[in-house]
Amino acid sequence: MKNSEECFSAFLELKAESSQYDLQFLTEADTRARLISRILHDILDWPQQNVKREEHASPGFMDYVLLTHRPVVVVEAKRAGDTFALPPDITNSGRAFTIGGVLRTIKNLRTYIDQVSRYCFNNGIEYAVITNGPQWVVFKAVRTDGIHVALGTVIIFSGFEDIERRFLAFWALL
């Protein structure tokens, strides 16, 4: 297992390397190979055997399912150029927002939240992540604590600069 310093070094390396790509034009497959899979394995230190890819979700397929002793997180991957147009007060704020709040006004993000929430609900997986490589949106998609899903918090990492600034929170959360 890597320690936080090794993971942070791997992140800085990936961040520097990503500047050579025109992220706007990466396909989803390239985004997954060059960014997301590397973040999951090299930076967040998820072992290969604890990550399932293209798991059937009935209907559809979950891009990644992260496992501990059971499935715990569904990661929905999008192409790097499919950015989430976050309001300025969300970008780099580090604050938590609700699923049913202002994030519902961001059309592509609303669609992806609904998509990954269905995957989680239909497969009994508690947590969801939506990412395009640089941006990460993390939330509890299946609630058993009496809180309505729309009132649940969403943690957003708005890009590589934000991840670098709050790396320990990103690393510990995921």
Foldseek 3Di string as FASTA:
>chain_A
DDDQVQLLVLLVVLVVVCVVDPQLPFFQVRLCVSFVVCCVCRRLNQDPVQWDAQPCQVPGTFGIFGHDPHTAEGEHEGRSSPAFPDPPCQALVQDWDFQQPPSCVRVVSVVVLVVQLSSCVSVVHFKYWYDNRFKIKIWGSDDPPPDDRRGTIIGIQRGSVSCSVVVVVVSVVD
